[in-house]
Amino acid sequence: MLWLLFLLVAWGAAAISCIGLCIVAARTGLLHDASADSARKGPDGPELTLYETAFLAGGPHRVVDLALVTMHLRRRLLLAHTGWATVVDPEGRDEMERAVIRAIGPRGRSPIPPVRRAAAAAETVRALADRLVTAGLAVPGGAGTDIAAAVRAVRGAALLVVAMGAAALLTPGHERGTDGPVVPLLVWFGLPLALTLGCLIIARMEIHPYSCWASPAGQRLLAANEIPAAAKNHGLLAAIAVRGVRAVDDPALRSALGVRRPSS
C-alpha cells in the first residue's frame, strides 16, 4: 500500500499549490482585471506616457534609466563612461528629472548606481505606480512576482504528481498486477494532475503574461505597441522604455549605464 503515500503527496502538492495561486490572484484582483475597464488606457488620458510605458515594462528602475538617458541626450546631464552622472542643467523639466537631480545630490556629481536606487524610491515614482495601479494597468508592488512564483509552484506540483504516479506504478505488486488493477491507480493520480493542469490553463487565459509590474490590461497595451507619439519621434527612448538600457547602442553610454554588450 505504499502507493497510498505517493497519492497523498501528489494530492497535497496539487491542492496547496492551486489554492495558493487562487489566493494570490484573488488578493491582487488580477482575475477581475482582465475583464474590467478594458477600454481604459492611461490613468491621465487616452494614451500612456513614456514614463508609464517604462514602468509597466520594467518597473521603477526602468523609469529612472529612461530619465537618465533622456537628460543625457538633451544635454541636461552628463553620463560618463566611468559610471558617474554630472548635472549640467540643475533645473529639471519634469518631476522625474527633478527627482534624479535630487538623487545626485548637492555636489552635482555622483556614481550612477546609487542615483538609480535613490530615484527609484522617490515619491515621484511611487505616485506614478499608484496612478497605474488605480487605473488597473499595474499590479501592486511585488504582486506580479508572487503570481509568477505561484504559477511555478503549480507547475512543480504537476511534475511531482507525474513522478509520484510513476513511482506508484513501479512499486512491487503493481507491475505484476497483484495489488489491484493499474487503470484505477492511473485514475487516482490523474485527478490531481488534471487539477494542476486545469489551474495552469485558467491562469494562462486570465493572467498571462505573468509580469512583475503590468496587469493583464497593461500587458495588452504593451503588446499592442501603444507607445506615445512623443516617444516614437525618438526611437532610442521608445526602445529603452520597452526593452531597457540594453537597447542602447552607443558604447560610451552602455558603459556609463553598466551594460555589457553580449558576446557574439
Protein backbone atom coordinates (compact mmCIF):
# COMPACT_ATOMS: atom_id res chain seq x y z
CA MET A 1 0.00 0.00 0.00
CA LEU A 2 2.97 2.27 -0.48
CA TRP A 3 1.15 3.83 -3.42
CA LEU A 4 -1.25 5.50 -0.97
CA LEU A 5 1.62 7.52 0.46
CA PHE A 6 2.59 8.63 -3.04
CA LEU A 7 -1.03 9.55 -3.73
CA LEU A 8 -1.26 11.66 -0.56
CA VAL A 9 1.91 13.53 -1.53
CA ALA A 10 0.56 14.15 -5.03
CA TRP A 11 -2.80 15.41 -3.78
CA GLY A 12 -1.19 17.57 -1.10
CA ALA A 13 1.18 19.26 -3.54
CA ALA A 14 -1.59 19.83 -6.09
CA ALA A 15 -4.08 21.22 -3.58
CA ILE A 16 -1.63 23.51 -1.78
CA SER A 17 -0.16 24.96 -4.96
CA CYS A 18 -3.51 25.53 -6.67
CA ILE A 19 -5.07 27.11 -3.59
CA GLY A 20 -2.00 29.33 -3.22
CA LEU A 21 -2.31 30.54 -6.80
CA CYS A 22 -6.01 31.28 -6.36
CA ILE A 23 -5.34 33.24 -3.15
CA VAL A 24 -2.59 35.35 -4.74
CA ALA A 25 -4.70 36.05 -7.84
CA ALA A 26 -7.73 36.99 -5.75
CA ARG A 27 -5.67 39.19 -3.45
CA THR A 28 -4.22 41.19 -6.32
CA GLY A 29 -7.51 41.31 -8.23
CA LEU A 30 -5.93 40.06 -11.44
CA LEU A 31 -8.75 37.64 -12.22
CA HIS A 32 -11.19 40.55 -12.40
CA ASP A 33 -8.76 42.96 -14.03
CA ALA A 34 -8.77 41.12 -17.35
CA SER A 35 -12.41 41.97 -17.98
CA ALA A 36 -12.83 45.25 -16.12
CA ASP A 37 -12.09 48.65 -17.66
CA SER A 38 -10.92 47.03 -20.88
CA ALA A 39 -11.44 50.28 -22.76
CA ARG A 40 -9.24 52.34 -20.44
CA LYS A 41 -5.67 53.08 -21.45
CA GLY A 42 -3.68 55.64 -19.48
CA PRO A 43 -4.52 56.88 -15.99
CA ASP A 44 -4.50 60.51 -17.10
CA GLY A 45 -5.70 60.28 -20.69
CA PRO A 46 -6.33 58.11 -23.70
CA GLU A 47 -2.65 57.14 -24.11
CA LEU A 48 0.25 56.01 -21.98
CA THR A 49 3.05 58.47 -21.34
CA LEU A 50 6.64 57.44 -21.89
CA TYR A 51 7.32 57.08 -18.16
CA GLU A 52 4.16 54.98 -17.74
CA THR A 53 5.28 52.73 -20.57
CA ALA A 54 8.67 52.30 -18.91
CA PHE A 55 7.11 51.44 -15.55
CA LEU A 56 4.76 48.84 -16.98
CA ALA A 57 7.58 47.24 -18.97
CA GLY A 58 10.31 47.29 -16.33
CA GLY A 59 9.29 48.92 -13.08
CA PRO A 60 10.80 51.85 -11.13
CA HIS A 61 14.41 51.29 -12.24
CA ARG A 62 13.35 51.33 -15.89
CA VAL A 63 11.72 54.73 -15.30
CA VAL A 64 14.93 56.07 -13.78
CA ASP A 65 17.05 54.70 -16.63
CA LEU A 66 14.73 56.40 -19.10
CA ALA A 67 15.03 59.71 -17.24
CA LEU A 68 18.83 59.43 -17.12
CA VAL A 69 19.15 58.77 -20.85
CA THR A 70 16.61 61.47 -21.71
CA MET A 71 18.52 64.07 -19.69
CA HIS A 72 21.82 62.90 -21.19
CA LEU A 73 20.56 63.15 -24.77
CA ARG A 74 19.15 66.63 -24.12
CA ARG A 75 22.42 67.81 -22.56
CA ARG A 76 20.95 68.35 -19.13
CA LEU A 77 23.00 65.54 -17.61
CA LEU A 78 26.35 64.01 -18.47
CA LEU A 79 26.66 60.25 -18.15
CA ALA A 80 30.37 59.47 -18.30
CA HIS A 81 31.69 56.10 -19.42
CA THR A 82 33.29 55.81 -15.97
CA GLY A 83 29.84 55.38 -14.44
CA TRP A 84 29.36 58.86 -13.00
CA ALA A 85 26.47 61.26 -13.55
CA THR A 86 27.12 65.02 -13.60
CA VAL A 87 24.38 67.63 -13.57
CA VAL A 88 24.66 70.16 -16.40
CA ASP A 89 21.28 71.87 -16.04
CA PRO A 90 20.05 71.89 -12.41
CA GLU A 91 16.50 72.81 -13.47
CA GLY A 92 14.62 69.61 -14.23
CA ARG A 93 11.91 69.78 -16.89
CA ASP A 94 9.54 67.49 -15.00
CA GLU A 95 9.14 65.84 -11.60
CA MET A 96 11.07 62.75 -12.65
CA GLU A 97 14.08 64.77 -13.79
CA ARG A 98 13.98 66.78 -10.56
CA ALA A 99 13.92 63.51 -8.60
CA VAL A 100 17.05 62.38 -10.46
CA ILE A 101 18.79 65.70 -9.72
CA ARG A 102 17.92 65.40 -6.02
CA ALA A 103 19.23 61.83 -6.03
CA ILE A 104 22.56 63.02 -7.46
CA GLY A 105 22.90 65.39 -4.52
CA PRO A 106 24.04 68.96 -3.89
CA ARG A 107 27.53 68.31 -5.26
CA GLY A 108 26.02 67.78 -8.70
CA ARG A 109 28.02 64.61 -9.32
CA SER A 110 27.51 61.04 -8.19
CA PRO A 111 28.04 57.42 -9.26
CA ILE A 112 25.06 56.18 -11.26
CA PRO A 113 24.09 53.06 -9.21
CA PRO A 114 23.18 54.99 -6.01
CA VAL A 115 21.34 57.55 -8.15
CA ARG A 116 19.27 54.75 -9.64
CA ARG A 117 18.37 53.36 -6.22
CA ALA A 118 17.50 56.71 -4.68
CA ALA A 119 15.46 57.96 -7.63
CA ALA A 120 13.58 54.64 -7.97
CA ALA A 121 12.45 55.01 -4.34
CA ALA A 122 11.42 58.66 -4.79
CA GLU A 123 7.89 59.86 -4.16
CA THR A 124 7.53 60.74 -7.84
CA VAL A 125 7.95 57.12 -8.90
CA ARG A 126 5.65 55.88 -6.13
CA ALA A 127 2.97 58.33 -7.26
CA LEU A 128 3.35 57.08 -10.84
CA ALA A 129 2.96 53.49 -9.65
CA ASP A 130 -0.13 54.38 -7.61
CA ARG A 131 -1.79 56.03 -10.62
CA LEU A 132 -1.17 52.98 -12.78
CA VAL A 133 -2.46 50.61 -10.10
CA THR A 134 -5.59 52.75 -9.67
CA ALA A 135 -6.13 52.70 -13.44
CA GLY A 136 -5.91 48.91 -13.44
CA LEU A 137 -2.79 48.86 -15.60
CA ALA A 138 -0.24 47.83 -12.95
CA VAL A 139 -0.24 45.39 -10.08
CA PRO A 140 0.65 46.41 -6.50
CA GLY A 141 4.33 46.21 -5.64
CA GLY A 142 5.56 42.62 -5.54
CA ALA A 143 2.24 41.13 -6.61
CA GLY A 144 3.49 40.19 -10.05
CA THR A 145 6.43 38.36 -8.52
CA ASP A 146 4.04 36.48 -6.22
CA ILE A 147 1.90 35.45 -9.20
CA ALA A 148 4.90 34.15 -11.13
CA ALA A 149 6.10 32.21 -8.08
CA ALA A 150 2.64 30.71 -7.54
CA VAL A 151 2.46 29.59 -11.18
CA ARG A 152 5.88 27.98 -10.87
CA ALA A 153 4.68 26.15 -7.76
CA VAL A 154 1.70 24.72 -9.67
CA ARG A 155 3.97 23.60 -12.48
CA GLY A 156 6.24 21.91 -9.97
CA ALA A 157 3.26 20.22 -8.37
CA ALA A 158 2.17 18.86 -11.77
CA LEU A 159 5.60 17.35 -12.32
CA LEU A 160 5.56 15.92 -8.80
CA VAL A 161 2.19 14.26 -9.46
CA VAL A 162 3.63 12.59 -12.55
CA ALA A 163 6.69 11.46 -10.59
CA MET A 164 4.55 10.08 -7.74
CA GLY A 165 2.33 8.24 -10.21
CA ALA A 166 5.35 6.69 -11.90
CA ALA A 167 6.78 5.68 -8.53
CA ALA A 168 3.47 4.10 -7.54
CA LEU A 169 3.39 2.07 -10.75
CA LEU A 170 6.92 0.83 -10.07
CA THR A 171 6.21 -0.30 -6.51
CA PRO A 172 6.31 -4.07 -6.03
CA GLY A 173 2.98 -5.65 -6.85
CA HIS A 174 1.61 -3.14 -9.35
CA GLU A 175 3.91 -4.23 -12.10
CA ARG A 176 2.60 -7.78 -11.63
CA GLY A 177 -0.98 -6.69 -11.14
CA THR A 178 -1.31 -8.44 -7.74
CA ASP A 179 -2.10 -5.33 -5.72
CA GLY A 180 -5.02 -4.10 -7.74
CA PRO A 181 -5.53 -3.07 -11.35
CA VAL A 182 -3.32 -0.41 -12.89
CA VAL A 183 -6.12 1.61 -14.51
CA PRO A 184 -7.76 2.75 -11.22
CA LEU A 185 -4.32 3.74 -9.99
CA LEU A 186 -3.81 5.95 -13.03
CA VAL A 187 -7.23 7.49 -12.46
CA TRP A 188 -6.39 8.35 -8.85
CA PHE A 189 -3.20 10.13 -9.92
CA GLY A 190 -4.87 11.60 -12.97
CA LEU A 191 -7.24 13.63 -10.80
CA PRO A 192 -4.57 15.82 -9.10
CA LEU A 193 -2.78 16.08 -12.45
CA ALA A 194 -5.98 17.34 -14.07
CA LEU A 195 -6.39 19.82 -11.20
CA THR A 196 -2.94 21.31 -11.67
CA LEU A 197 -3.11 21.39 -15.46
CA GLY A 198 -6.56 22.97 -15.36
CA CYS A 199 -5.31 25.61 -12.94
CA LEU A 200 -2.39 26.39 -15.24
CA ILE A 201 -4.70 26.70 -18.25
CA ILE A 202 -7.00 29.11 -16.40
CA ALA A 203 -4.03 31.14 -15.18
CA ARG A 204 -2.68 31.42 -18.72
CA MET A 205 -6.04 32.51 -20.06
CA GLU A 206 -6.78 35.03 -17.31
CA ILE A 207 -3.49 36.48 -16.06
CA HIS A 208 -0.80 35.63 -18.61
CA PRO A 209 1.82 37.02 -19.16
CA TYR A 210 2.96 36.97 -15.55
CA SER A 211 4.55 40.40 -15.38
CA CYS A 212 6.08 41.77 -12.18
CA TRP A 213 4.61 45.22 -12.88
CA ALA A 214 1.91 45.32 -15.55
CA SER A 215 -1.57 43.89 -15.09
CA PRO A 216 -3.14 41.94 -17.98
CA ALA A 217 -4.69 45.20 -19.23
CA GLY A 218 -1.30 46.91 -19.08
CA GLN A 219 0.33 43.97 -20.81
CA ARG A 220 -2.18 44.22 -23.63
CA LEU A 221 -1.22 47.86 -24.17
CA LEU A 222 2.45 46.97 -24.30
CA ALA A 223 1.82 44.04 -26.63
CA ALA A 224 -0.17 46.33 -28.93
CA ASN A 225 2.78 48.77 -29.06
CA GLU A 226 0.70 51.55 -27.57
CA ILE A 227 3.73 53.87 -27.30
CA PRO A 228 3.12 57.61 -27.08
CA ALA A 229 3.72 59.65 -30.21
CA ALA A 230 6.41 61.72 -28.47
CA ALA A 231 8.39 58.54 -27.86
CA LYS A 232 8.01 57.37 -31.45
CA ASN A 233 9.75 60.55 -32.55
CA HIS A 234 12.84 59.33 -30.69
CA GLY A 235 13.39 55.66 -31.35
CA LEU A 236 16.04 55.23 -28.64
CA LEU A 237 13.78 56.48 -25.85
CA ALA A 238 10.94 54.27 -27.03
CA ALA A 239 13.27 51.27 -27.14
CA ILE A 240 14.58 51.98 -23.63
CA ALA A 241 11.04 52.32 -22.29
CA VAL A 242 10.05 48.94 -23.68
CA ARG A 243 13.30 46.95 -23.63
CA GLY A 244 15.51 48.71 -21.09
CA VAL A 245 19.05 50.05 -21.33
CA ARG A 246 20.19 47.02 -23.34
CA ALA A 247 18.59 48.76 -26.31
CA VAL A 248 21.36 51.39 -26.19
CA ASP A 249 23.91 51.02 -29.00
CA ASP A 250 26.36 53.80 -28.06
CA PRO A 251 29.36 52.06 -26.41
CA ALA A 252 30.14 55.02 -24.12
CA LEU A 253 26.55 55.27 -22.94
CA ARG A 254 26.34 51.50 -22.45
CA SER A 255 29.49 51.66 -20.36
CA ALA A 256 28.09 54.52 -18.29
CA LEU A 257 24.91 52.55 -17.58
CA GLY A 258 26.88 49.41 -16.74
CA VAL A 259 25.55 47.39 -19.66
CA ARG A 260 27.82 44.81 -21.23
CA ARG A 261 27.43 44.04 -24.89
CA PRO A 262 26.70 40.31 -25.27
CA SER A 263 29.49 38.31 -26.85
CA SER A 264 28.85 37.22 -30.44
